[in-house]
C-alpha atoms as a PDB file:
ATOM      1  CA  MET A   1       0.000   0.000   0.000  1.00  0.00           C
ATOM      2  CA  GLN A   2       2.958   2.356   0.414  1.00  0.00           C
ATOM      3  CA  ASP A   3       3.264   2.747  -3.359  1.00  0.00           C
ATOM      4  CA  ASP A   4      -0.438   3.441  -3.819  1.00  0.00           C
ATOM      5  CA  SER A   5      -1.819   6.944  -4.228  1.00  0.00           C
ATOM      6  CA  PHE A   6      -4.715   8.429  -2.289  1.00  0.00           C
ATOM      7  CA  HIS A   7      -5.774  11.940  -3.230  1.00  0.00           C
ATOM      8  CA  ASN A   8      -8.744  14.279  -3.718  1.00  0.00           C
ATOM      9  CA  PHE A   9     -10.062  13.911  -0.165  1.00  0.00           C
ATOM     10  CA  ILE A  10     -13.556  15.451  -0.017  1.00  0.00           C
ATOM     11  CA  ILE A  11     -16.030  15.673   2.876  1.00  0.00           C
ATOM     12  CA  ASP A  12     -19.522  15.191   1.405  1.00  0.00           C
ATOM     13  CA  ARG A  13     -22.382  15.831   3.800  1.00  0.00           C
ATOM     14  CA  ASP A  14     -24.992  15.068   1.107  1.00  0.00           C
ATOM     15  CA  ALA A  15     -23.725  11.486   0.941  1.00  0.00           C
ATOM     16  CA  SER A  16     -23.994  11.083   4.721  1.00  0.00           C
ATOM     17  CA  LEU A  17     -25.461   8.106   6.538  1.00  0.00           C
ATOM     18  CA  GLY A  18     -27.225  10.235   9.108  1.00  0.00           C
ATOM     19  CA  SER A  19     -27.429  13.679  10.607  1.00  0.00           C
ATOM     20  CA  ASP A  20     -24.217  13.223  12.594  1.00  0.00           C
ATOM     21  CA  HIS A  21     -22.165  11.607   9.805  1.00  0.00           C
ATOM     22  CA  ALA A  22     -20.426  12.799   6.658  1.00  0.00           C
ATOM     23  CA  ALA A  23     -18.915  10.770   3.827  1.00  0.00           C
ATOM     24  CA  LEU A  24     -15.189  11.012   3.166  1.00  0.00           C
ATOM     25  CA  LEU A  25     -14.629  10.548  -0.576  1.00  0.00           C
ATOM     26  CA  VAL A  26     -11.135   9.552  -1.682  1.00  0.00           C
ATOM     27  CA  THR A  27      -9.628   8.897  -5.114  1.00  0.00           C
ATOM     28  CA  TYR A  28      -7.370   5.832  -5.138  1.00  0.00           C
ATOM     29  CA  LEU A  29      -4.862   4.802  -7.808  1.00  0.00           C
ATOM     30  CA  SER A  30      -2.979   1.522  -7.491  1.00  0.00           C
ATOM     31  CA  PRO A  31       0.583   1.186  -8.846  1.00  0.00           C
ATOM     32  CA  ALA A  32      -0.873  -0.562 -11.919  1.00  0.00           C
ATOM     33  CA  ASP A  33      -3.174   2.417 -12.560  1.00  0.00           C
ATOM     34  CA  ASN A  34      -0.222   4.807 -12.282  1.00  0.00           C
ATOM     35  CA  ILE A  35       1.625   2.835 -14.959  1.00  0.00           C
ATOM     36  CA  LEU A  36      -1.268   3.015 -17.410  1.00  0.00           C
ATOM     37  CA  HIS A  37      -2.324   6.621 -16.697  1.00  0.00           C
ATOM     38  CA  ALA A  38      -0.570   9.941 -16.281  1.00  0.00           C
ATOM     39  CA  PRO A  39       0.384  10.699 -12.685  1.00  0.00           C
ATOM     40  CA  ALA A  40      -1.710  13.022 -10.551  1.00  0.00           C
ATOM     41  CA  PRO A  41      -0.540  16.655 -10.480  1.00  0.00           C
ATOM     42  CA  SER A  42       0.705  16.257  -6.901  1.00  0.00           C
ATOM     43  CA  LEU A  43       2.809  13.123  -6.647  1.00  0.00           C
ATOM     44  CA  GLY A  44       2.748  13.074  -2.862  1.00  0.00           C
ATOM     45  CA  PHE A  45       5.426  11.627  -0.632  1.00  0.00           C
ATOM     46  CA  ALA A  46       7.321   8.348  -0.491  1.00  0.00           C
ATOM     47  CA  ILE A  47       6.241   6.863   2.849  1.00  0.00           C
ATOM     48  CA  THR A  48       8.817   4.489   4.264  1.00  0.00           C
ATOM     49  CA  PRO A  49       9.085   2.811   7.671  1.00  0.00           C
ATOM     50  CA  ASP A  50      12.488   4.387   8.324  1.00  0.00           C
ATOM     51  CA  HIS A  51      10.844   7.842   8.535  1.00  0.00           C
ATOM     52  CA  ALA A  52       8.041   6.813  10.932  1.00  0.00           C
ATOM     53  CA  GLU A  53       9.663   7.971  14.173  1.00  0.00           C
ATOM     54  CA  GLU A  54      10.798  11.316  12.777  1.00  0.00           C
ATOM     55  CA  TRP A  55       7.382  11.950  11.163  1.00  0.00           C
ATOM     56  CA  THR A  56       5.571  11.170  14.425  1.00  0.00           C
ATOM     57  CA  ARG A  57       7.961  13.375  16.403  1.00  0.00           C
ATOM     58  CA  ASN A  58       7.422  16.313  13.984  1.00  0.00           C
ATOM     59  CA  PHE A  59       3.616  16.022  13.797  1.00  0.00           C
ATOM     60  CA  PRO A  60       2.021  18.939  15.712  1.00  0.00           C
ATOM     61  CA  ARG A  61      -0.260  18.200  18.645  1.00  0.00           C
ATOM     62  CA  HIS A  62      -3.361  20.362  18.972  1.00  0.00           C
ATOM     63  CA  PRO A  63      -5.713  20.226  21.964  1.00  0.00           C
ATOM     64  CA  HIS A  64      -8.972  18.391  21.330  1.00  0.00           C
ATOM     65  CA  ARG A  65     -11.980  20.653  21.439  1.00  0.00           C
ATOM     66  CA  PRO A  66     -15.703  20.203  20.791  1.00  0.00           C
ATOM     67  CA  LEU A  67     -16.756  20.624  17.166  1.00  0.00           C
ATOM     68  CA  PRO A  68     -20.404  21.689  17.395  1.00  0.00           C
ATOM     69  CA  THR A  69     -20.876  23.071  13.895  1.00  0.00           C
ATOM     70  CA  GLU A  70     -20.048  22.078  10.342  1.00  0.00           C
ATOM     71  CA  LEU A  71     -17.762  25.121  10.083  1.00  0.00           C
ATOM     72  CA  ASP A  72     -15.826  23.920  13.156  1.00  0.00           C
ATOM     73  CA  ILE A  73     -15.478  20.449  11.620  1.00  0.00           C
ATOM     74  CA  ASP A  74     -14.366  21.912   8.281  1.00  0.00           C
ATOM     75  CA  ALA A  75     -11.777  24.126  10.016  1.00  0.00           C
ATOM     76  CA  GLU A  76     -10.429  21.195  12.052  1.00  0.00           C
ATOM     77  CA  THR A  77     -10.289  19.016   8.922  1.00  0.00           C
ATOM     78  CA  GLU A  78      -8.347  21.712   7.071  1.00  0.00           C
ATOM     79  CA  LEU A  79      -5.946  22.058  10.017  1.00  0.00           C
ATOM     80  CA  LEU A  80      -5.372  18.279  10.101  1.00  0.00           C
ATOM     81  CA  HIS A  81      -4.809  18.167   6.331  1.00  0.00           C
ATOM     82  CA  ASN A  82      -2.299  21.035   6.529  1.00  0.00           C
ATOM     83  CA  ASP A  83      -0.492  19.409   9.479  1.00  0.00           C
ATOM     84  CA  ILE A  84      -0.143  16.140   7.565  1.00  0.00           C
ATOM     85  CA  GLU A  85       1.096  17.952   4.442  1.00  0.00           C
ATOM     86  CA  GLN A  86       3.617  20.124   6.326  1.00  0.00           C
ATOM     87  CA  THR A  87       4.954  17.257   8.438  1.00  0.00           C
ATOM     88  CA  SER A  88       5.313  15.071   5.353  1.00  0.00           C
ATOM     89  CA  ALA A  89       7.135  17.862   3.490  1.00  0.00           C
ATOM     90  CA  GLN A  90       9.573  18.249   6.417  1.00  0.00           C
ATOM     91  CA  THR A  91      10.174  14.531   6.885  1.00  0.00           C
ATOM     92  CA  LEU A  92       9.596  12.552   3.682  1.00  0.00           C
ATOM     93  CA  ASN A  93      10.986  12.593   0.165  1.00  0.00           C
ATOM     94  CA  ARG A  94       8.634  13.603  -2.631  1.00  0.00           C
ATOM     95  CA  LYS A  95       7.689  10.896  -5.106  1.00  0.00           C
ATOM     96  CA  LYS A  96       9.423  11.163  -8.450  1.00  0.00           C
ATOM     97  CA  PRO A  97       7.492  11.597 -11.723  1.00  0.00           C
ATOM     98  CA  PHE A  98       6.555   8.443 -13.618  1.00  0.00           C
ATOM     99  CA  SER A  99       9.165   7.060 -15.970  1.00  0.00           C
ATOM    100  CA  PRO A 100       8.574   4.035 -18.238  1.00  0.00           C
ATOM    101  CA  ARG A 101      12.232   3.137 -17.728  1.00  0.00           C
ATOM    102  CA  ALA A 102      11.501   2.456 -14.053  1.00  0.00           C
ATOM    103  CA  VAL A 103       8.823  -0.209 -14.609  1.00  0.00           C
ATOM    104  CA  PRO A 104       9.623  -3.932 -14.598  1.00  0.00           C
ATOM    105  CA  TRP A 105      10.990  -5.212 -17.916  1.00  0.00           C
ATOM    106  CA  LEU A 106       7.889  -7.368 -18.540  1.00  0.00           C
ATOM    107  CA  LEU A 107       5.675  -4.264 -18.770  1.00  0.00           C
ATOM    108  CA  HIS A 108       7.872  -2.388 -21.273  1.00  0.00           C
ATOM    109  CA  SER A 109       6.258  -4.020 -24.300  1.00  0.00           C
ATOM    110  CA  ARG A 110       2.839  -3.136 -22.919  1.00  0.00           C
ATOM    111  CA  LEU A 111       3.824   0.550 -22.644  1.00  0.00           C
ATOM    112  CA  GLY A 112       5.712   0.653 -25.924  1.00  0.00           C
ATOM    113  CA  ALA A 113       9.070   1.344 -24.212  1.00  0.00           C
ATOM    114  CA  ARG A 114      12.140  -0.604 -25.353  1.00  0.00           C
END
């Protein structure tokens, strides 16, 4: 799963299961999808176990507070998203753009690379 890509996180209250729930919509691309399609504009970060401790140490801790309104939930979600992005940028290496030369030799004929 570390090589997979999750992006376009969206909170959708119209797709909720009840008044106190909201759907989290996520776009997922497997490594096979990335080979056959152009990469997403933001390539994200290469998540590796050797960065786990440093990432956890750098992740900011905010006090938990009640979230009574949708605006409060949206603000907290944005804060969490920004914290994850900033901590990842400080700690992890960015993924490199797709290159057909990097795929296993058995897929080269499928992509037209030689």
